Amino acid sequence: MGICENGPRLLKHATRWVAAAALCLSIAYPVSTPGAPAEPDRGVKQRELPGSYPSAPSKPPAFSIPVEPLGFSAPGPIYLGERNAMASLNFIGETRLLFTFRVPGLIRRNSKPGEKADSDIRQIRALVINISTGAVEAEALWTVHDRSRYLWMLNDGHFLLRDKENLSEGDSQLELKPLLRFPGRLLRIGLDPGQQYIVSNSIEPAEPAAKSGEVGSPATASATVTPEEKQPDPAAPEFVVRIIQRESGKVMLVSRTRGMVHLPINSEGYIENLRGRESDWNLNLNYFTGGSHMLGTVVSTCAPNNEFISEKVLLATGCDGSGAIKLVAFTTEGRILWDELNPVTAVWPVQFHSVDGLRIAFETLTVTHAVGPYSPLADDDIKGQLLRILNTATGEIAFESPVSPVLDMGGNAAISPTARRVAVVNAGAIQVFDLPAPPPIPDPPNQRPSH
């Protein structure tokens, strides 16, 4: 995402929050950035991750909970490649798991005669499981109305559940309470590392009428990315991105966009990709209070997908000329921690991290050949799904395991809040592994440790 063509106009008329996010609502185009670094710090050499696919986890599990008695069954091969959210696995503290999954069943028919059956309506079973005993401590059945991701875990053991225009908050007993209601369908959300803010993407009428209990649109945050010469069709739905304070529900930003927006933020600002020369992408941290700081450059043939692992560490996921996935970890001071290249046979990455940001989970499908326009992916080309746990400080592999069944949208692995445990759905069970403590992020050279 780069500077949109309406950026100057938005800067004139919008608040700082609106202007800040409006700048990254479209695909980047080449810009000249004074003072931007030409290329990554060559003191950090790129490493290649192993291309082998393990037949077993790199260490034995401490606990194993069979999934068939829980009601979980592997989705059929027809779903592979559809990128549907079929399950979610999360830790509640260090001793319990929240496991949710689609319950197979018949397609529900609509009540009105002549209407088509809605195949997107799904029943989701939710279970809170004690790790040491395997006992189910709480359970619930939810209905969701699409096939996209529906659950996000919070740092305090609660979680957010998305369905249609509603966002609810649940607790360890699976009790739900309404949190936010949007003027249209909520498509997805994101959170900053401290989870102070929710970044929402929704699709709404051009000028929705406000309803009681719905997320508002303050008069100071009404910027639009629609070109001047083209007025919006009031009947046509539009994509809307917001930044919302999670605790208060206060809307800090609302802006209409041309599509869904991935906006990586921490408590200080947001990351913008600025297109440089050839394959260079300059990563710019724009502060909500004004000003910016160039973190560094990622050499990538595709626009990097950025994510804050913690308040001070950013992971950029790009690709090289062969299409292989590359990972570059930056600090917000602009220091590269590591630069790693996956084999070309690793595709469809899914990434998540521990609460403290000291470990990163990276899931990929392992295939038999590089995928391209003249070498498409067939079902029999997929060898399996691989989970690797990386130490954020060094990029080294702390643990790896096959994952089965294959869920191409993830949701079949989790890291505990302390990063000392990993849970994986594999070989007919939820396998839980104990890991040593992760190494801390090293302090910058010539800088005293903070207190």
Protein backbone atom coordinates (compact mmCIF):
# COMPACT_ATOMS: atom_id res chain seq x y z
CA MET A 1 0.00 0.00 0.00
CA GLY A 2 1.37 3.38 -0.89
CA ILE A 3 0.33 7.00 -1.17
CA CYS A 4 -3.08 7.27 -2.81
CA GLU A 5 -3.76 9.83 -5.52
CA ASN A 6 -6.19 11.65 -3.24
CA GLY A 7 -3.65 12.02 -0.45
CA PRO A 8 -3.01 15.80 -0.92
CA ARG A 9 -6.75 16.53 -1.00
CA LEU A 10 -7.33 14.45 2.12
CA LEU A 11 -4.50 16.18 3.94
CA LYS A 12 -6.22 19.50 3.37
CA HIS A 13 -9.60 18.56 4.74
CA ALA A 14 -9.17 15.58 7.07
CA THR A 15 -8.04 15.14 10.62
CA ARG A 16 -4.57 13.73 11.28
CA TRP A 17 -5.94 10.24 11.94
CA VAL A 18 -7.94 10.27 8.71
CA ALA A 19 -5.07 11.64 6.68
CA ALA A 20 -2.65 9.15 8.15
CA ALA A 21 -4.57 6.08 7.05
CA ALA A 22 -5.86 7.60 3.82
CA LEU A 23 -2.26 7.75 2.63
CA CYS A 24 -2.01 3.96 2.51
CA LEU A 25 -5.32 2.98 0.96
CA SER A 26 -4.05 2.19 -2.55
CA ILE A 27 -1.25 0.31 -4.29
CA ALA A 28 2.11 2.03 -4.10
CA TYR A 29 3.63 3.71 -7.11
CA PRO A 30 7.27 4.72 -7.61
CA VAL A 31 8.21 7.69 -5.48
CA SER A 32 11.40 9.47 -4.67
CA THR A 33 12.02 9.34 -0.93
CA PRO A 34 14.80 11.62 0.31
CA GLY A 35 17.05 9.94 2.82
CA ALA A 36 15.62 6.45 2.21
CA PRO A 37 18.16 3.65 2.53
CA ALA A 38 19.12 2.17 -0.84
CA GLU A 39 19.08 -1.46 0.29
CA PRO A 40 19.09 -3.60 3.46
CA ASP A 41 22.00 -3.55 5.86
CA ARG A 42 24.51 -5.90 4.25
CA GLY A 43 25.85 -6.77 7.69
CA VAL A 44 22.84 -9.12 7.93
CA LYS A 45 23.18 -11.89 5.37
CA GLN A 46 20.18 -13.68 3.99
CA ARG A 47 19.79 -17.25 5.21
CA GLU A 48 17.93 -20.04 3.47
CA LEU A 49 15.49 -22.09 5.50
CA PRO A 50 15.63 -25.88 5.01
CA GLY A 51 13.53 -27.29 2.20
CA SER A 52 12.91 -30.70 3.78
CA TYR A 53 9.48 -31.74 5.03
CA PRO A 54 9.63 -33.42 8.46
CA SER A 55 7.85 -36.73 8.98
CA ALA A 56 7.35 -36.02 12.69
CA PRO A 57 7.60 -33.09 15.15
CA SER A 58 11.13 -32.09 16.15
CA LYS A 59 10.41 -33.18 19.74
CA PRO A 60 7.84 -35.43 21.43
CA PRO A 61 4.60 -33.84 22.73
CA ALA A 62 4.07 -33.28 26.43
CA PHE A 63 0.29 -33.77 26.01
CA SER A 64 -1.89 -35.29 23.29
CA ILE A 65 -5.67 -34.83 23.10
CA PRO A 66 -7.52 -36.93 20.46
CA VAL A 67 -9.77 -34.74 18.27
CA GLU A 68 -12.29 -37.34 17.03
CA PRO A 69 -14.06 -37.61 20.43
CA LEU A 70 -14.37 -33.81 20.35
CA GLY A 71 -16.38 -34.03 17.13
CA PHE A 72 -13.68 -32.71 14.80
CA SER A 73 -13.30 -34.32 11.38
CA ALA A 74 -10.99 -33.45 8.52
CA PRO A 75 -12.60 -31.29 5.79
CA GLY A 76 -12.90 -32.94 2.39
CA PRO A 77 -10.29 -32.31 -0.33
CA ILE A 78 -12.83 -30.17 -2.21
CA TYR A 79 -12.09 -27.33 0.23
CA LEU A 80 -8.33 -27.30 -0.44
CA GLY A 81 -7.44 -24.09 -2.22
CA GLU A 82 -10.68 -22.33 -1.28
CA ARG A 83 -8.90 -20.59 1.64
CA ASN A 84 -11.89 -21.09 3.94
CA ALA A 85 -11.51 -20.65 7.70
CA MET A 86 -12.35 -24.16 8.90
CA ALA A 87 -11.03 -24.03 12.49
CA SER A 88 -9.22 -21.96 15.09
CA LEU A 89 -6.88 -23.04 17.90
CA ASN A 90 -5.78 -20.67 20.66
CA PHE A 91 -4.34 -20.77 24.16
CA ILE A 92 -6.25 -19.42 27.15
CA GLY A 93 -3.35 -18.84 29.50
CA GLU A 94 -0.84 -21.71 29.65
CA THR A 95 -3.18 -24.51 30.75
CA ARG A 96 -6.26 -24.34 28.52
CA LEU A 97 -7.08 -24.28 24.80
CA LEU A 98 -9.94 -22.74 22.86
CA PHE A 99 -10.63 -25.05 19.91
CA THR A 100 -13.35 -24.14 17.41
CA PHE A 101 -14.22 -25.89 14.16
CA ARG A 102 -16.86 -26.23 11.49
CA VAL A 103 -19.49 -28.86 12.18
CA PRO A 104 -20.30 -30.75 8.94
CA GLY A 105 -23.96 -30.82 8.00
CA LEU A 106 -26.54 -30.29 5.30
CA ILE A 107 -26.82 -26.97 3.46
CA ARG A 108 -29.45 -24.90 5.21
CA ARG A 109 -32.47 -23.92 3.15
CA ASN A 110 -33.85 -20.40 3.20
CA SER A 111 -37.36 -19.99 4.56
CA LYS A 112 -38.84 -18.22 1.52
CA PRO A 113 -39.98 -20.37 -1.43
CA GLY A 114 -37.89 -19.99 -4.58
CA GLU A 115 -34.78 -18.66 -2.81
CA LYS A 116 -31.48 -20.43 -3.23
CA ALA A 117 -29.98 -22.29 -0.29
CA ASP A 118 -27.31 -20.29 1.54
CA SER A 119 -24.24 -22.55 1.48
CA ASP A 120 -22.16 -20.00 3.42
CA ILE A 121 -24.07 -20.46 6.68
CA ARG A 122 -21.96 -22.63 9.00
CA GLN A 123 -22.28 -24.12 12.43
CA ILE A 124 -19.12 -23.67 14.55
CA ARG A 125 -18.51 -25.78 17.63
CA ALA A 126 -16.42 -24.11 20.35
CA LEU A 127 -14.66 -26.00 23.15
CA VAL A 128 -12.52 -24.92 26.10
CA ILE A 129 -10.16 -27.83 26.86
CA ASN A 130 -7.95 -28.47 29.88
CA ILE A 131 -4.53 -29.36 28.46
CA SER A 132 -3.37 -31.71 31.20
CA THR A 133 -6.60 -33.75 31.45
CA GLY A 134 -8.18 -33.27 28.02
CA ALA A 135 -11.48 -32.47 29.75
CA VAL A 136 -13.93 -30.09 28.06
CA GLU A 137 -14.64 -27.27 30.53
CA ALA A 138 -17.05 -25.25 28.37
CA GLU A 139 -18.72 -25.65 24.98
CA ALA A 140 -20.99 -23.69 22.66
CA LEU A 141 -22.44 -23.79 19.14
CA TRP A 142 -22.28 -20.66 17.00
CA THR A 143 -23.75 -19.77 13.62
CA VAL A 144 -21.65 -17.70 11.21
CA HIS A 145 -22.70 -16.52 7.77
CA ASP A 146 -19.58 -16.67 5.62
CA ARG A 147 -16.39 -18.70 5.25
CA SER A 148 -13.81 -16.10 6.25
CA ARG A 149 -11.94 -15.86 9.54
CA TYR A 150 -14.36 -15.46 12.42
CA LEU A 151 -12.26 -15.46 15.65
CA TRP A 152 -9.39 -13.35 17.04
CA MET A 153 -7.82 -14.12 20.42
CA LEU A 154 -7.17 -11.31 22.89
CA ASN A 155 -4.21 -11.07 25.25
CA ASP A 156 -6.37 -11.34 28.39
CA GLY A 157 -7.92 -14.72 27.55
CA HIS A 158 -11.00 -13.20 25.91
CA PHE A 159 -11.69 -13.35 22.17
CA LEU A 160 -13.53 -11.47 19.41
CA LEU A 161 -16.15 -13.23 17.27
CA ARG A 162 -17.21 -11.76 13.90
CA ASP A 163 -20.50 -12.50 12.15
CA LYS A 164 -22.30 -10.38 9.55
CA GLU A 165 -22.27 -6.78 10.85
CA ASN A 166 -21.63 -7.78 14.46
CA LEU A 167 -18.48 -8.09 16.56
CA SER A 168 -18.89 -9.80 19.94
CA GLU A 169 -16.48 -10.40 22.81
CA GLY A 170 -16.34 -13.80 24.50
CA ASP A 171 -14.70 -15.12 27.67
CA SER A 172 -13.23 -18.42 28.85
CA GLN A 173 -16.74 -19.74 29.59
CA LEU A 174 -17.77 -18.95 25.98
CA GLU A 175 -20.24 -16.32 27.16
CA LEU A 176 -20.69 -13.71 24.42
CA LYS A 177 -21.63 -10.06 24.73
CA PRO A 178 -22.12 -7.55 21.88
CA LEU A 179 -19.17 -5.25 21.35
CA LEU A 180 -19.70 -3.36 18.07
CA ARG A 181 -22.34 -3.24 15.35
CA PHE A 182 -21.40 -1.88 11.93
CA PRO A 183 -23.65 -0.23 9.30
CA GLY A 184 -22.84 -3.10 6.89
CA ARG A 185 -21.14 -6.49 6.72
CA LEU A 186 -17.92 -6.67 8.71
CA LEU A 187 -15.33 -8.36 6.49
CA ARG A 188 -12.29 -8.65 8.75
CA ILE A 189 -10.46 -6.97 11.60
CA GLY A 190 -6.89 -6.42 12.76
CA LEU A 191 -5.35 -5.44 16.08
CA ASP A 192 -2.24 -3.55 17.15
CA PRO A 193 0.22 -5.52 19.36
CA GLY A 194 -1.14 -3.95 22.56
CA GLN A 195 -4.71 -4.49 21.32
CA GLN A 196 -5.71 -0.94 22.12
CA TYR A 197 -7.15 -0.47 18.63
CA ILE A 198 -9.24 -2.48 16.17
CA VAL A 199 -8.69 -1.92 12.45
CA SER A 200 -11.94 -2.92 10.73
CA ASN A 201 -12.84 -3.49 7.09
CA SER A 202 -16.53 -3.49 6.20
CA ILE A 203 -18.76 -3.06 3.16
CA GLU A 204 -21.57 -0.56 3.66
CA PRO A 205 -24.13 1.58 1.82
CA ALA A 206 -22.69 4.77 0.39
CA GLU A 207 -24.39 6.91 3.00
CA PRO A 208 -25.79 4.63 5.72
CA ALA A 209 -28.36 5.96 8.11
CA ALA A 210 -27.08 5.79 11.69
CA LYS A 211 -28.79 3.28 13.97
CA SER A 212 -28.70 2.92 17.71
CA GLY A 213 -25.70 0.88 18.84
CA GLU A 214 -23.85 1.04 15.51
CA VAL A 215 -20.30 2.25 15.00
CA GLY A 216 -20.52 5.94 14.22
CA SER A 217 -18.76 8.14 11.69
CA PRO A 218 -17.72 11.40 13.35
CA ALA A 219 -17.99 14.59 11.31
CA THR A 220 -14.23 15.09 11.61
CA ALA A 221 -13.57 11.68 10.05
CA SER A 222 -15.60 11.66 6.85
CA ALA A 223 -12.88 11.61 4.19
CA THR A 224 -13.42 9.58 1.03
CA VAL A 225 -10.96 8.15 -1.48
CA THR A 226 -13.42 8.55 -4.37
CA PRO A 227 -11.84 10.60 -7.24
CA GLU A 228 -13.22 14.14 -7.58
CA GLU A 229 -14.64 13.58 -11.06
CA LYS A 230 -16.64 10.46 -10.06
CA GLN A 231 -19.37 10.86 -7.48
CA PRO A 232 -20.38 7.75 -5.50
CA ASP A 233 -23.57 5.93 -6.38
CA PRO A 234 -25.74 6.17 -3.23
CA ALA A 235 -27.16 2.71 -3.95
CA ALA A 236 -23.78 1.03 -4.44
CA PRO A 237 -21.99 -0.43 -1.39
CA GLU A 238 -18.52 0.82 -0.53
CA PHE A 239 -15.56 -0.53 1.41
CA VAL A 240 -14.94 1.28 4.69
CA VAL A 241 -11.87 1.12 6.94
CA ARG A 242 -11.92 2.32 10.54
CA ILE A 243 -9.59 2.50 13.51
CA ILE A 244 -11.57 2.06 16.72
CA GLN A 245 -10.51 2.22 20.36
CA ARG A 246 -11.32 -1.28 21.62
CA GLU A 247 -12.24 -0.41 25.20
CA SER A 248 -14.37 2.66 24.52
CA GLY A 249 -15.63 1.92 21.00
CA LYS A 250 -14.61 5.43 19.95
CA VAL A 251 -13.98 5.76 16.21
CA MET A 252 -10.60 7.37 15.61
CA LEU A 253 -10.72 7.10 11.82
CA VAL A 254 -13.19 6.26 9.09
CA SER A 255 -12.38 6.35 5.38
CA ARG A 256 -14.04 4.92 2.27
CA THR A 257 -11.74 2.90 0.04
CA ARG A 258 -11.68 0.99 -3.25
CA GLY A 259 -11.14 -2.38 -1.55
CA MET A 260 -10.11 -4.04 1.67
CA VAL A 261 -7.05 -2.53 3.33
CA HIS A 262 -4.38 -4.22 5.42
CA LEU A 263 -3.18 -1.48 7.78
CA PRO A 264 -0.34 -2.60 10.11
CA ILE A 265 -0.30 -0.34 13.18
CA ASN A 266 1.26 -0.13 16.61
CA SER A 267 0.42 2.43 19.29
CA GLU A 268 2.56 5.06 17.54
CA GLY A 269 1.67 4.87 13.87
CA TYR A 270 1.29 2.82 10.72
CA ILE A 271 3.60 1.26 8.14
CA GLU A 272 3.56 2.44 4.53
CA ASN A 273 5.26 0.68 1.59
CA LEU A 274 6.97 3.21 -0.69
CA ARG A 275 8.03 1.86 -4.07
CA GLY A 276 11.71 2.52 -4.77
CA ARG A 277 13.93 1.57 -7.68
CA GLU A 278 13.44 -1.79 -9.36
CA SER A 279 12.56 -4.31 -6.61
CA ASP A 280 13.17 -1.99 -3.65
CA TRP A 281 10.37 -1.30 -1.18
CA ASN A 282 11.05 1.33 1.46
CA LEU A 283 9.22 0.73 4.74
CA ASN A 284 8.12 4.01 6.29
CA LEU A 285 6.72 4.33 9.83
CA ASN A 286 4.30 7.27 9.89
CA TYR A 287 3.55 8.58 13.38
CA PHE A 288 0.00 9.49 14.33
CA THR A 289 1.41 12.58 16.07
CA GLY A 290 3.14 13.72 12.86
CA GLY A 291 6.40 12.96 11.12
CA SER A 292 7.79 9.66 9.91
CA HIS A 293 10.80 7.38 10.15
CA MET A 294 12.23 5.17 7.39
CA LEU A 295 12.87 1.70 8.84
CA GLY A 296 14.75 0.22 5.89
CA THR A 297 14.37 -1.41 2.51
CA VAL A 298 13.04 -4.81 1.50
CA VAL A 299 14.15 -6.13 -1.87
CA SER A 300 11.04 -7.95 -3.10
CA THR A 301 9.38 -8.66 -6.44
CA CYS A 302 5.97 -8.33 -4.76
CA ALA A 303 4.65 -5.69 -2.38
CA PRO A 304 5.69 -6.78 1.15
CA ASN A 305 2.98 -7.74 3.60
CA ASN A 306 3.92 -6.14 6.92
CA GLU A 307 2.88 -7.07 10.44
CA PHE A 308 3.86 -5.73 13.86
CA ILE A 309 5.09 -8.66 15.97
CA SER A 310 5.42 -6.36 18.96
CA GLU A 311 5.54 -2.63 19.60
CA LYS A 312 9.18 -2.57 18.51
CA VAL A 313 9.47 -5.37 15.90
CA LEU A 314 8.00 -5.57 12.41
CA LEU A 315 8.00 -8.61 10.11
CA ALA A 316 7.94 -7.97 6.36
CA THR A 317 6.91 -10.90 4.15
CA GLY A 318 7.99 -10.50 0.52
CA CYS A 319 9.20 -12.69 -2.35
CA ASP A 320 12.25 -13.07 -4.57
CA GLY A 321 12.45 -13.43 -8.34
CA SER A 322 11.65 -17.14 -8.22
CA GLY A 323 8.53 -16.55 -6.15
CA ALA A 324 10.05 -17.89 -2.92
CA ILE A 325 8.77 -16.30 0.30
CA LYS A 326 11.26 -14.13 2.16
CA LEU A 327 11.00 -12.87 5.73
CA VAL A 328 12.77 -9.76 7.02
CA ALA A 329 12.49 -8.70 10.69
CA PHE A 330 13.05 -5.02 11.51
CA THR A 331 13.06 -3.07 14.75
CA THR A 332 11.30 0.29 14.84
CA GLU A 333 14.75 1.85 15.24
CA GLY A 334 15.46 0.66 11.69
CA ARG A 335 17.75 -2.28 12.55
CA ILE A 336 17.42 -5.54 10.62
CA LEU A 337 17.37 -8.52 12.98
CA TRP A 338 17.42 -11.20 10.27
CA ASP A 339 16.63 -11.91 6.63
CA GLU A 340 15.48 -15.42 5.61
CA LEU A 341 14.41 -17.07 2.38
CA ASN A 342 12.00 -20.00 2.22
CA PRO A 343 12.34 -22.70 -0.45
CA VAL A 344 10.24 -22.19 -3.61
CA THR A 345 8.23 -25.26 -2.59
CA ALA A 346 6.77 -23.40 0.44
CA VAL A 347 3.51 -21.63 -0.53
CA TRP A 348 0.43 -19.96 1.02
CA PRO A 349 2.02 -18.59 4.21
CA VAL A 350 0.08 -18.07 7.44
CA GLN A 351 1.83 -16.12 10.20
CA PHE A 352 1.00 -15.38 13.85
CA HIS A 353 3.01 -14.72 17.02
CA SER A 354 3.10 -14.97 20.80
CA VAL A 355 1.66 -12.22 23.00
CA ASP A 356 5.12 -10.92 23.94
CA GLY A 357 6.30 -11.09 20.32
CA LEU A 358 9.32 -13.25 21.16
CA ARG A 359 8.28 -16.12 18.89
CA ILE A 360 6.71 -16.23 15.43
CA ALA A 361 4.72 -19.14 14.01
CA PHE A 362 5.02 -19.57 10.24
CA GLU A 363 2.86 -22.11 8.42
CA THR A 364 3.22 -23.03 4.73
CA LEU A 365 2.06 -25.73 2.39
CA THR A 366 4.93 -27.89 1.12
CA VAL A 367 4.54 -28.72 -2.57
CA THR A 368 6.52 -30.73 -5.10
CA HIS A 369 7.50 -27.88 -7.42
CA ALA A 370 7.61 -24.11 -7.76
CA VAL A 371 4.18 -22.72 -8.63
CA GLY A 372 3.80 -20.37 -11.57
CA PRO A 373 1.62 -19.49 -14.60
CA TYR A 374 2.94 -22.49 -16.51
CA SER A 375 3.19 -24.85 -13.54
CA PRO A 376 -0.10 -24.68 -11.60
CA LEU A 377 -0.75 -26.47 -8.36
CA ALA A 378 -2.73 -29.72 -8.44
CA ASP A 379 -4.07 -31.64 -5.44
CA ASP A 380 -1.44 -34.36 -5.77
CA ASP A 381 1.35 -31.75 -5.75
CA ILE A 382 0.74 -30.97 -2.05
CA LYS A 383 2.99 -32.95 0.27
CA GLY A 384 1.57 -31.49 3.47
CA GLN A 385 1.51 -28.47 5.76
CA LEU A 386 4.52 -27.39 7.81
CA LEU A 387 4.65 -25.33 11.00
CA ARG A 388 7.86 -23.63 12.05
CA ILE A 389 8.35 -21.64 15.25
CA LEU A 390 11.02 -18.95 14.85
CA ASN A 391 12.77 -17.02 17.61
CA THR A 392 12.04 -13.36 16.85
CA ALA A 393 15.45 -12.25 18.14
CA THR A 394 17.49 -14.48 15.80
CA GLY A 395 15.20 -16.02 13.19
CA GLU A 396 16.39 -19.48 14.23
CA ILE A 397 13.97 -22.41 14.16
CA ALA A 398 12.94 -23.32 17.73
CA PHE A 399 10.49 -26.06 16.70
CA GLU A 400 8.92 -27.58 13.60
CA SER A 401 6.14 -30.07 12.95
CA PRO A 402 3.92 -31.39 10.20
CA VAL A 403 0.29 -30.31 10.50
CA SER A 404 -2.62 -32.53 9.49
CA PRO A 405 -5.20 -32.26 8.19
CA VAL A 406 -4.09 -29.45 5.88
CA LEU A 407 -6.00 -26.22 6.55
CA ASP A 408 -4.75 -23.69 4.03
CA MET A 409 -6.05 -20.72 6.08
CA GLY A 410 -4.39 -21.97 9.26
CA GLY A 411 -6.24 -22.17 12.56
CA ASN A 412 -4.59 -25.50 13.38
CA ALA A 413 -1.70 -24.29 15.56
CA ALA A 414 -1.17 -21.88 18.48
CA ILE A 415 1.55 -20.36 20.70
CA SER A 416 0.96 -19.83 24.42
CA PRO A 417 1.20 -16.30 25.90
CA THR A 418 4.70 -16.96 27.32
CA ALA A 419 5.86 -18.61 24.06
CA ARG A 420 6.85 -21.65 26.13
CA ARG A 421 4.18 -23.93 24.63
CA VAL A 422 3.00 -24.76 21.12
CA ALA A 423 -0.20 -26.64 20.22
CA VAL A 424 -0.62 -28.35 16.84
CA VAL A 425 -3.49 -30.32 15.30
CA ASN A 426 -1.63 -33.32 13.90
CA ALA A 427 -2.03 -37.07 13.48
CA GLY A 428 -5.56 -37.16 14.90
CA ALA A 429 -4.80 -35.16 18.05
CA ILE A 430 -4.05 -31.76 19.48
CA GLN A 431 -0.38 -32.18 20.39
CA VAL A 432 1.06 -29.77 22.96
CA PHE A 433 4.83 -29.21 23.13
CA ASP A 434 6.92 -27.57 25.83
CA LEU A 435 9.72 -25.27 24.61
CA PRO A 436 12.59 -23.52 26.38
CA ALA A 437 12.30 -19.81 27.08
CA PRO A 438 12.80 -17.66 23.95
CA PRO A 439 15.83 -15.37 23.72
CA PRO A 440 15.18 -11.66 24.31
CA ILE A 441 15.41 -9.08 21.54
CA PRO A 442 19.00 -7.75 21.69
CA ASP A 443 19.49 -4.11 22.57
CA PRO A 444 20.81 -1.86 19.77
CA PRO A 445 24.60 -1.39 19.77
CA ASN A 446 25.87 1.42 22.02
CA GLN A 447 22.49 1.71 23.72
CA ARG A 448 21.87 1.00 27.38
CA PRO A 449 19.02 -1.42 28.17
CA SER A 450 15.71 0.30 28.86
CA HIS A 451 14.05 -0.06 32.25
